[in-house]
Amino acid sequence: MKEAIDLLLETYRIKGKFQETAIVAHWEEIMGKTIASRTTELYIRDQKLFLKLSSSVLRNELQMARQKIIDLLNARAGSEVIREVVFL
């Protein structure tokens, strides 16, 4: 069943968009409640994650852990969906 769905997503060229939507939808589960509660804006465009946080301290911490965030999100998606994190 999974293979059939993957083939369908690839055929209609929407697999990447589906993975991006899954990352946004499961943001709290992936990053944790603390980070999710301080996230005010979150979207993905052109393999860039745009992230706006209400806490400047948390923003500074996450800027230093940019690559770890990218690796975590891509591992969750199962492919390279995010190449860059941009803090707004």
PDB file of N, CA and C in Angstrom:
ATOM      1  N   MET A   1       0.821  -1.185   0.000  1.00  0.00           N
ATOM      2  CA  MET A   1       0.000   0.000   0.000  1.00  0.00           C
ATOM      3  C   MET A   1       0.871   1.257   0.000  1.00  0.00           C
ATOM      4  N   LYS A   2       1.912   1.242   0.846  1.00  0.00           N
ATOM      5  CA  LYS A   2       2.805   2.400   0.919  1.00  0.00           C
ATOM      6  C   LYS A   2       3.479   2.653  -0.421  1.00  0.00           C
ATOM      7  N   GLU A   3       3.898   1.583  -1.074  1.00  0.00           N
ATOM      8  CA  GLU A   3       4.554   1.720  -2.377  1.00  0.00           C
ATOM      9  C   GLU A   3       3.606   2.315  -3.404  1.00  0.00           C
ATOM     10  N   ALA A   4       2.356   1.923  -3.356  1.00  0.00           N
ATOM     11  CA  ALA A   4       1.364   2.442  -4.297  1.00  0.00           C
ATOM     12  C   ALA A   4       1.139   3.941  -4.079  1.00  0.00           C
ATOM     13  N   ILE A   5       1.079   4.358  -2.827  1.00  0.00           N
ATOM     14  CA  ILE A   5       0.889   5.775  -2.517  1.00  0.00           C
ATOM     15  C   ILE A   5       2.114   6.573  -2.943  1.00  0.00           C
ATOM     16  N   ASP A   6       3.316   6.056  -2.658  1.00  0.00           N
ATOM     17  CA  ASP A   6       4.545   6.733  -3.081  1.00  0.00           C
ATOM     18  C   ASP A   6       4.597   6.879  -4.599  1.00  0.00           C
ATOM     19  N   LEU A   7       4.224   5.844  -5.307  1.00  0.00           N
ATOM     20  CA  LEU A   7       4.203   5.895  -6.768  1.00  0.00           C
ATOM     21  C   LEU A   7       3.201   6.923  -7.267  1.00  0.00           C
ATOM     22  N   LEU A   8       2.056   6.987  -6.638  1.00  0.00           N
ATOM     23  CA  LEU A   8       1.035   7.967  -7.007  1.00  0.00           C
ATOM     24  C   LEU A   8       1.542   9.391  -6.794  1.00  0.00           C
ATOM     25  N   LEU A   9       2.172   9.642  -5.643  1.00  0.00           N
ATOM     26  CA  LEU A   9       2.702  10.968  -5.340  1.00  0.00           C
ATOM     27  C   LEU A   9       3.801  11.370  -6.328  1.00  0.00           C
ATOM     28  N   GLU A  10       4.650  10.420  -6.675  1.00  0.00           N
ATOM     29  CA  GLU A  10       5.718  10.696  -7.637  1.00  0.00           C
ATOM     30  C   GLU A  10       5.157  10.918  -9.037  1.00  0.00           C
ATOM     31  N   THR A  11       4.158  10.150  -9.415  1.00  0.00           N
ATOM     32  CA  THR A  11       3.557  10.281 -10.742  1.00  0.00           C
ATOM     33  C   THR A  11       2.966  11.666 -10.930  1.00  0.00           C
ATOM     34  N   TYR A  12       2.274  12.161  -9.920  1.00  0.00           N
ATOM     35  CA  TYR A  12       1.654  13.487 -10.018  1.00  0.00           C
ATOM     36  C   TYR A  12       2.585  14.614  -9.564  1.00  0.00           C
ATOM     37  N   ARG A  13       3.818  14.261  -9.265  1.00  0.00           N
ATOM     38  CA  ARG A  13       4.859  15.226  -8.872  1.00  0.00           C
ATOM     39  C   ARG A  13       4.445  16.095  -7.683  1.00  0.00           C
ATOM     40  N   ILE A  14       3.852  15.455  -6.700  1.00  0.00           N
ATOM     41  CA  ILE A  14       3.441  16.181  -5.502  1.00  0.00           C
ATOM     42  C   ILE A  14       4.063  15.599  -4.229  1.00  0.00           C
ATOM     43  N   LYS A  15       4.999  14.692  -4.386  1.00  0.00           N
ATOM     44  CA  LYS A  15       5.617  14.059  -3.222  1.00  0.00           C
ATOM     45  C   LYS A  15       6.330  15.092  -2.350  1.00  0.00           C
ATOM     46  N   GLY A  16       7.085  15.998  -2.964  1.00  0.00           N
ATOM     47  CA  GLY A  16       7.799  17.027  -2.207  1.00  0.00           C
ATOM     48  C   GLY A  16       6.852  17.920  -1.433  1.00  0.00           C
ATOM     49  N   LYS A  17       5.780  18.339  -2.073  1.00  0.00           N
ATOM     50  CA  LYS A  17       4.798  19.197  -1.414  1.00  0.00           C
ATOM     51  C   LYS A  17       4.118  18.449  -0.269  1.00  0.00           C
ATOM     52  N   PHE A  18       3.839  17.173  -0.479  1.00  0.00           N
ATOM     53  CA  PHE A  18       3.237  16.342   0.565  1.00  0.00           C
ATOM     54  C   PHE A  18       4.172  16.256   1.773  1.00  0.00           C
ATOM     55  N   GLN A  19       5.459  16.066   1.541  1.00  0.00           N
ATOM     56  CA  GLN A  19       6.435  15.977   2.636  1.00  0.00           C
ATOM     57  C   GLN A  19       6.559  17.314   3.365  1.00  0.00           C
ATOM     58  N   GLU A  20       6.537  18.423   2.613  1.00  0.00           N
ATOM     59  CA  GLU A  20       6.596  19.749   3.232  1.00  0.00           C
ATOM     60  C   GLU A  20       5.391  19.972   4.140  1.00  0.00           C
ATOM     61  N   THR A  21       4.222  19.607   3.655  1.00  0.00           N
ATOM     62  CA  THR A  21       2.999  19.769   4.439  1.00  0.00           C
ATOM     63  C   THR A  21       3.046  18.917   5.696  1.00  0.00           C
ATOM     64  N   ALA A  22       3.601  17.724   5.594  1.00  0.00           N
ATOM     65  CA  ALA A  22       3.719  16.847   6.760  1.00  0.00           C
ATOM     66  C   ALA A  22       4.645  17.447   7.812  1.00  0.00           C
ATOM     67  N   ILE A  23       5.719  18.076   7.386  1.00  0.00           N
ATOM     68  CA  ILE A  23       6.645  18.715   8.335  1.00  0.00           C
ATOM     69  C   ILE A  23       5.932  19.837   9.086  1.00  0.00           C
ATOM     70  N   VAL A  24       5.229  20.683   8.362  1.00  0.00           N
ATOM     71  CA  VAL A  24       4.516  21.791   8.996  1.00  0.00           C
ATOM     72  C   VAL A  24       3.429  21.267   9.929  1.00  0.00           C
ATOM     73  N   ALA A  25       2.693  20.266   9.491  1.00  0.00           N
ATOM     74  CA  ALA A  25       1.600  19.722  10.289  1.00  0.00           C
ATOM     75  C   ALA A  25       2.085  19.041  11.565  1.00  0.00           C
ATOM     76  N   HIS A  26       3.260  18.442  11.525  1.00  0.00           N
ATOM     77  CA  HIS A  26       3.792  17.716  12.691  1.00  0.00           C
ATOM     78  C   HIS A  26       4.916  18.475  13.388  1.00  0.00           C
ATOM     79  N   TRP A  27       4.961  19.768  13.242  1.00  0.00           N
ATOM     80  CA  TRP A  27       6.017  20.601  13.811  1.00  0.00           C
ATOM     81  C   TRP A  27       6.172  20.372  15.323  1.00  0.00           C
ATOM     82  N   GLU A  28       5.078  20.375  16.049  1.00  0.00           N
ATOM     83  CA  GLU A  28       5.151  20.189  17.501  1.00  0.00           C
ATOM     84  C   GLU A  28       5.703  18.810  17.855  1.00  0.00           C
ATOM     85  N   GLU A  29       5.285  17.808  17.149  1.00  0.00           N
ATOM     86  CA  GLU A  29       5.753  16.445  17.399  1.00  0.00           C
ATOM     87  C   GLU A  29       7.250  16.309  17.100  1.00  0.00           C
ATOM     88  N   ILE A  30       7.714  16.968  16.055  1.00  0.00           N
ATOM     89  CA  ILE A  30       9.112  16.867  15.636  1.00  0.00           C
ATOM     90  C   ILE A  30      10.029  17.680  16.554  1.00  0.00           C
ATOM     91  N   MET A  31       9.658  18.923  16.817  1.00  0.00           N
ATOM     92  CA  MET A  31      10.547  19.841  17.539  1.00  0.00           C
ATOM     93  C   MET A  31      10.255  19.944  19.037  1.00  0.00           C
ATOM     94  N   GLY A  32       9.108  19.493  19.450  1.00  0.00           N
ATOM     95  CA  GLY A  32       8.757  19.564  20.863  1.00  0.00           C
ATOM     96  C   GLY A  32       7.803  20.711  21.157  1.00  0.00           C
ATOM     97  N   LYS A  33       7.123  20.577  22.273  1.00  0.00           N
ATOM     98  CA  LYS A  33       6.088  21.537  22.649  1.00  0.00           C
ATOM     99  C   LYS A  33       6.645  22.930  22.936  1.00  0.00           C
ATOM    100  N   THR A  34       7.810  23.009  23.550  1.00  0.00           N
ATOM    101  CA  THR A  34       8.400  24.307  23.905  1.00  0.00           C
ATOM    102  C   THR A  34       8.675  25.143  22.669  1.00  0.00           C
ATOM    103  N   ILE A  35       9.325  24.549  21.684  1.00  0.00           N
ATOM    104  CA  ILE A  35       9.643  25.277  20.452  1.00  0.00           C
ATOM    105  C   ILE A  35       8.370  25.584  19.674  1.00  0.00           C
ATOM    106  N   ALA A  36       7.470  24.622  19.591  1.00  0.00           N
ATOM    107  CA  ALA A  36       6.221  24.815  18.843  1.00  0.00           C
ATOM    108  C   ALA A  36       5.371  25.923  19.448  1.00  0.00           C
ATOM    109  N   SER A  37       5.352  26.026  20.759  1.00  0.00           N
ATOM    110  CA  SER A  37       4.530  27.055  21.396  1.00  0.00           C
ATOM    111  C   SER A  37       5.088  28.457  21.166  1.00  0.00           C
ATOM    112  N   ARG A  38       6.364  28.555  20.855  1.00  0.00           N
ATOM    113  CA  ARG A  38       6.985  29.858  20.593  1.00  0.00           C
ATOM    114  C   ARG A  38       7.146  30.147  19.094  1.00  0.00           C
ATOM    115  N   THR A  39       6.644  29.255  18.267  1.00  0.00           N
ATOM    116  CA  THR A  39       6.691  29.443  16.821  1.00  0.00           C
ATOM    117  C   THR A  39       5.437  30.196  16.397  1.00  0.00           C
ATOM    118  N   THR A  40       5.621  31.377  15.806  1.00  0.00           N
ATOM    119  CA  THR A  40       4.468  32.182  15.401  1.00  0.00           C
ATOM    120  C   THR A  40       4.183  32.064  13.907  1.00  0.00           C
ATOM    121  N   GLU A  41       5.185  31.711  13.127  1.00  0.00           N
ATOM    122  CA  GLU A  41       4.995  31.556  11.687  1.00  0.00           C
ATOM    123  C   GLU A  41       5.933  30.465  11.189  1.00  0.00           C
ATOM    124  N   LEU A  42       5.424  29.631  10.275  1.00  0.00           N
ATOM    125  CA  LEU A  42       6.192  28.502   9.780  1.00  0.00           C
ATOM    126  C   LEU A  42       5.686  28.127   8.393  1.00  0.00           C
ATOM    127  N   TYR A  43       6.580  28.177   7.410  1.00  0.00           N
ATOM    128  CA  TYR A  43       6.223  27.715   6.073  1.00  0.00           C
ATOM    129  C   TYR A  43       7.484  27.322   5.311  1.00  0.00           C
ATOM    130  N   ILE A  44       7.276  26.565   4.241  1.00  0.00           N
ATOM    131  CA  ILE A  44       8.387  26.078   3.429  1.00  0.00           C
ATOM    132  C   ILE A  44       8.176  26.545   2.003  1.00  0.00           C
ATOM    133  N   ARG A  45       9.233  27.094   1.408  1.00  0.00           N
ATOM    134  CA  ARG A  45       9.195  27.522   0.017  1.00  0.00           C
ATOM    135  C   ARG A  45      10.570  27.288  -0.594  1.00  0.00           C
ATOM    136  N   ASP A  46      10.604  26.624  -1.720  1.00  0.00           N
ATOM    137  CA  ASP A  46      11.858  26.354  -2.446  1.00  0.00           C
ATOM    138  C   ASP A  46      12.908  25.682  -1.570  1.00  0.00           C
ATOM    139  N   GLN A  47      12.498  24.685  -0.819  1.00  0.00           N
ATOM    140  CA  GLN A  47      13.351  23.905   0.074  1.00  0.00           C
ATOM    141  C   GLN A  47      13.971  24.733   1.196  1.00  0.00           C
ATOM    142  N   LYS A  48      13.355  25.863   1.511  1.00  0.00           N
ATOM    143  CA  LYS A  48      13.789  26.697   2.632  1.00  0.00           C
ATOM    144  C   LYS A  48      12.682  26.726   3.661  1.00  0.00           C
ATOM    145  N   LEU A  49      13.035  26.476   4.908  1.00  0.00           N
ATOM    146  CA  LEU A  49      12.097  26.562   6.013  1.00  0.00           C
ATOM    147  C   LEU A  49      12.168  27.975   6.571  1.00  0.00           C
ATOM    148  N   PHE A  50      11.056  28.685   6.520  1.00  0.00           N
ATOM    149  CA  PHE A  50      10.968  30.033   7.073  1.00  0.00           C
ATOM    150  C   PHE A  50      10.301  29.923   8.432  1.00  0.00           C
ATOM    151  N   LEU A  51      10.963  30.476   9.440  1.00  0.00           N
ATOM    152  CA  LEU A  51      10.559  30.264  10.819  1.00  0.00           C
ATOM    153  C   LEU A  51      10.591  31.580  11.575  1.00  0.00           C
ATOM    154  N   LYS A  52       9.472  31.920  12.193  1.00  0.00           N
ATOM    155  CA  LYS A  52       9.402  33.119  13.025  1.00  0.00           C
ATOM    156  C   LYS A  52       9.065  32.691  14.441  1.00  0.00           C
ATOM    157  N   LEU A  53       9.873  33.153  15.383  1.00  0.00           N
ATOM    158  CA  LEU A  53       9.718  32.762  16.785  1.00  0.00           C
ATOM    159  C   LEU A  53       9.420  33.986  17.640  1.00  0.00           C
ATOM    160  N   SER A  54       8.673  33.780  18.712  1.00  0.00           N
ATOM    161  CA  SER A  54       8.337  34.883  19.613  1.00  0.00           C
ATOM    162  C   SER A  54       9.429  35.128  20.657  1.00  0.00           C
ATOM    163  N   SER A  55      10.390  34.233  20.752  1.00  0.00           N
ATOM    164  CA  SER A  55      11.464  34.344  21.737  1.00  0.00           C
ATOM    165  C   SER A  55      12.804  34.558  21.036  1.00  0.00           C
ATOM    166  N   SER A  56      13.431  35.696  21.317  1.00  0.00           N
ATOM    167  CA  SER A  56      14.730  35.978  20.694  1.00  0.00           C
ATOM    168  C   SER A  56      15.817  35.047  21.234  1.00  0.00           C
ATOM    169  N   VAL A  57      15.710  34.637  22.477  1.00  0.00           N
ATOM    170  CA  VAL A  57      16.682  33.714  23.069  1.00  0.00           C
ATOM    171  C   VAL A  57      16.610  32.366  22.353  1.00  0.00           C
ATOM    172  N   LEU A  58      15.399  31.873  22.143  1.00  0.00           N
ATOM    173  CA  LEU A  58      15.216  30.607  21.438  1.00  0.00           C
ATOM    174  C   LEU A  58      15.685  30.722  19.987  1.00  0.00           C
ATOM    175  N   ARG A  59      15.418  31.858  19.352  1.00  0.00           N
ATOM    176  CA  ARG A  59      15.873  32.079  17.976  1.00  0.00           C
ATOM    177  C   ARG A  59      17.393  31.964  17.885  1.00  0.00           C
ATOM    178  N   ASN A  60      18.108  32.569  18.831  1.00  0.00           N
ATOM    179  CA  ASN A  60      19.571  32.494  18.839  1.00  0.00           C
ATOM    180  C   ASN A  60      20.051  31.056  19.029  1.00  0.00           C
ATOM    181  N   GLU A  61      19.401  30.321  19.922  1.00  0.00           N
ATOM    182  CA  GLU A  61      19.769  28.922  20.143  1.00  0.00           C
ATOM    183  C   GLU A  61      19.557  28.089  18.884  1.00  0.00           C
ATOM    184  N   LEU A  62      18.421  28.287  18.224  1.00  0.00           N
ATOM    185  CA  LEU A  62      18.116  27.511  17.026  1.00  0.00           C
ATOM    186  C   LEU A  62      18.997  27.906  15.843  1.00  0.00           C
ATOM    187  N   GLN A  63      19.423  29.155  15.793  1.00  0.00           N
ATOM    188  CA  GLN A  63      20.335  29.568  14.724  1.00  0.00           C
ATOM    189  C   GLN A  63      21.647  28.813  14.818  1.00  0.00           C
ATOM    190  N   MET A  64      22.093  28.552  16.036  1.00  0.00           N
ATOM    191  CA  MET A  64      23.335  27.804  16.212  1.00  0.00           C
ATOM    192  C   MET A  64      23.150  26.317  15.898  1.00  0.00           C
ATOM    193  N   ALA A  65      21.906  25.839  15.930  1.00  0.00           N
ATOM    194  CA  ALA A  65      21.622  24.423  15.677  1.00  0.00           C
ATOM    195  C   ALA A  65      20.925  24.231  14.325  1.00  0.00           C
ATOM    196  N   ARG A  66      21.166  25.141  13.395  1.00  0.00           N
ATOM    197  CA  ARG A  66      20.513  25.105  12.079  1.00  0.00           C
ATOM    198  C   ARG A  66      20.667  23.767  11.363  1.00  0.00           C
ATOM    199  N   GLN A  67      21.882  23.280  11.267  1.00  0.00           N
ATOM    200  CA  GLN A  67      22.133  22.033  10.532  1.00  0.00           C
ATOM    201  C   GLN A  67      21.460  20.843  11.211  1.00  0.00           C
ATOM    202  N   LYS A  68      21.429  20.863  12.529  1.00  0.00           N
ATOM    203  CA  LYS A  68      20.766  19.780  13.258  1.00  0.00           C
ATOM    204  C   LYS A  68      19.260  19.783  12.961  1.00  0.00           C
ATOM    205  N   ILE A  69      18.663  20.951  12.866  1.00  0.00           N
ATOM    206  CA  ILE A  69      17.239  21.064  12.528  1.00  0.00           C
ATOM    207  C   ILE A  69      16.992  20.521  11.128  1.00  0.00           C
ATOM    208  N   ILE A  70      17.843  20.903  10.180  1.00  0.00           N
ATOM    209  CA  ILE A  70      17.713  20.431   8.800  1.00  0.00           C
ATOM    210  C   ILE A  70      17.807  18.912   8.756  1.00  0.00           C
ATOM    211  N   ASP A  71      18.805  18.361   9.438  1.00  0.00           N
ATOM    212  CA  ASP A  71      18.991  16.905   9.458  1.00  0.00           C
ATOM    213  C   ASP A  71      17.794  16.196  10.089  1.00  0.00           C
ATOM    214  N   LEU A  72      17.280  16.740  11.166  1.00  0.00           N
ATOM    215  CA  LEU A  72      16.134  16.142  11.857  1.00  0.00           C
ATOM    216  C   LEU A  72      14.886  16.144  10.975  1.00  0.00           C
ATOM    217  N   LEU A  73      14.613  17.257  10.322  1.00  0.00           N
ATOM    218  CA  LEU A  73      13.428  17.358   9.469  1.00  0.00           C
ATOM    219  C   LEU A  73      13.541  16.465   8.234  1.00  0.00           C
ATOM    220  N   ASN A  74      14.726  16.434   7.642  1.00  0.00           N
ATOM    221  CA  ASN A  74      14.919  15.582   6.460  1.00  0.00           C
ATOM    222  C   ASN A  74      14.843  14.098   6.823  1.00  0.00           C
ATOM    223  N   ALA A  75      15.348  13.740   7.986  1.00  0.00           N
ATOM    224  CA  ALA A  75      15.244  12.350   8.435  1.00  0.00           C
ATOM    225  C   ALA A  75      13.790  11.970   8.640  1.00  0.00           C
ATOM    226  N   ARG A  76      13.025  12.889   9.188  1.00  0.00           N
ATOM    227  CA  ARG A  76      11.594  12.630   9.402  1.00  0.00           C
ATOM    228  C   ARG A  76      10.855  12.472   8.067  1.00  0.00           C
ATOM    229  N   ALA A  77      11.227  13.286   7.082  1.00  0.00           N
ATOM    230  CA  ALA A  77      10.571  13.237   5.772  1.00  0.00           C
ATOM    231  C   ALA A  77      11.042  12.048   4.940  1.00  0.00           C
ATOM    232  N   GLY A  78      12.249  11.578   5.209  1.00  0.00           N
ATOM    233  CA  GLY A  78      12.778  10.450   4.449  1.00  0.00           C
ATOM    234  C   GLY A  78      13.518  10.844   3.191  1.00  0.00           C
ATOM    235  N   SER A  79      13.659  12.122   2.948  1.00  0.00           N
ATOM    236  CA  SER A  79      14.424  12.624   1.804  1.00  0.00           C
ATOM    237  C   SER A  79      14.796  14.078   2.078  1.00  0.00           C
ATOM    238  N   GLU A  80      15.577  14.654   1.182  1.00  0.00           N
ATOM    239  CA  GLU A  80      16.002  16.042   1.379  1.00  0.00           C
ATOM    240  C   GLU A  80      14.886  16.993   0.962  1.00  0.00           C
ATOM    241  N   VAL A  81      14.144  17.448   1.957  1.00  0.00           N
ATOM    242  CA  VAL A  81      13.044  18.366   1.722  1.00  0.00           C
ATOM    243  C   VAL A  81      13.484  19.789   2.064  1.00  0.00           C
ATOM    244  N   ILE A  82      14.331  19.924   3.091  1.00  0.00           N
ATOM    245  CA  ILE A  82      14.802  21.223   3.589  1.00  0.00           C
ATOM    246  C   ILE A  82      16.293  21.336   3.329  1.00  0.00           C
ATOM    247  N   ARG A  83      16.700  22.434   2.721  1.00  0.00           N
ATOM    248  CA  ARG A  83      18.135  22.692   2.518  1.00  0.00           C
ATOM    249  C   ARG A  83      18.634  23.858   3.356  1.00  0.00           C
ATOM    250  N   GLU A  84      17.713  24.712   3.789  1.00  0.00           N
ATOM    251  CA  GLU A  84      18.118  25.914   4.508  1.00  0.00           C
ATOM    252  C   GLU A  84      17.023  26.312   5.488  1.00  0.00           C
ATOM    253  N   VAL A  85      17.419  26.928   6.615  1.00  0.00           N
ATOM    254  CA  VAL A  85      16.479  27.465   7.581  1.00  0.00           C
ATOM    255  C   VAL A  85      16.688  28.969   7.624  1.00  0.00           C
ATOM    256  N   VAL A  86      15.589  29.710   7.452  1.00  0.00           N
ATOM    257  CA  VAL A  86      15.639  31.169   7.463  1.00  0.00           C
ATOM    258  C   VAL A  86      14.800  31.650   8.644  1.00  0.00           C
ATOM    259  N   PHE A  87      15.397  32.449   9.517  1.00  0.00           N
ATOM    260  CA  PHE A  87      14.692  32.997  10.659  1.00  0.00           C
ATOM    261  C   PHE A  87      14.186  34.390  10.319  1.00  0.00           C
ATOM    262  N   LEU A  88      12.909  34.588  10.538  1.00  0.00           N
ATOM    263  CA  LEU A  88      12.279  35.879  10.215  1.00  0.00           C
ATOM    264  C   LEU A  88      12.263  36.785  11.413  1.00  0.00           C
TER     265      LEU A  88
END
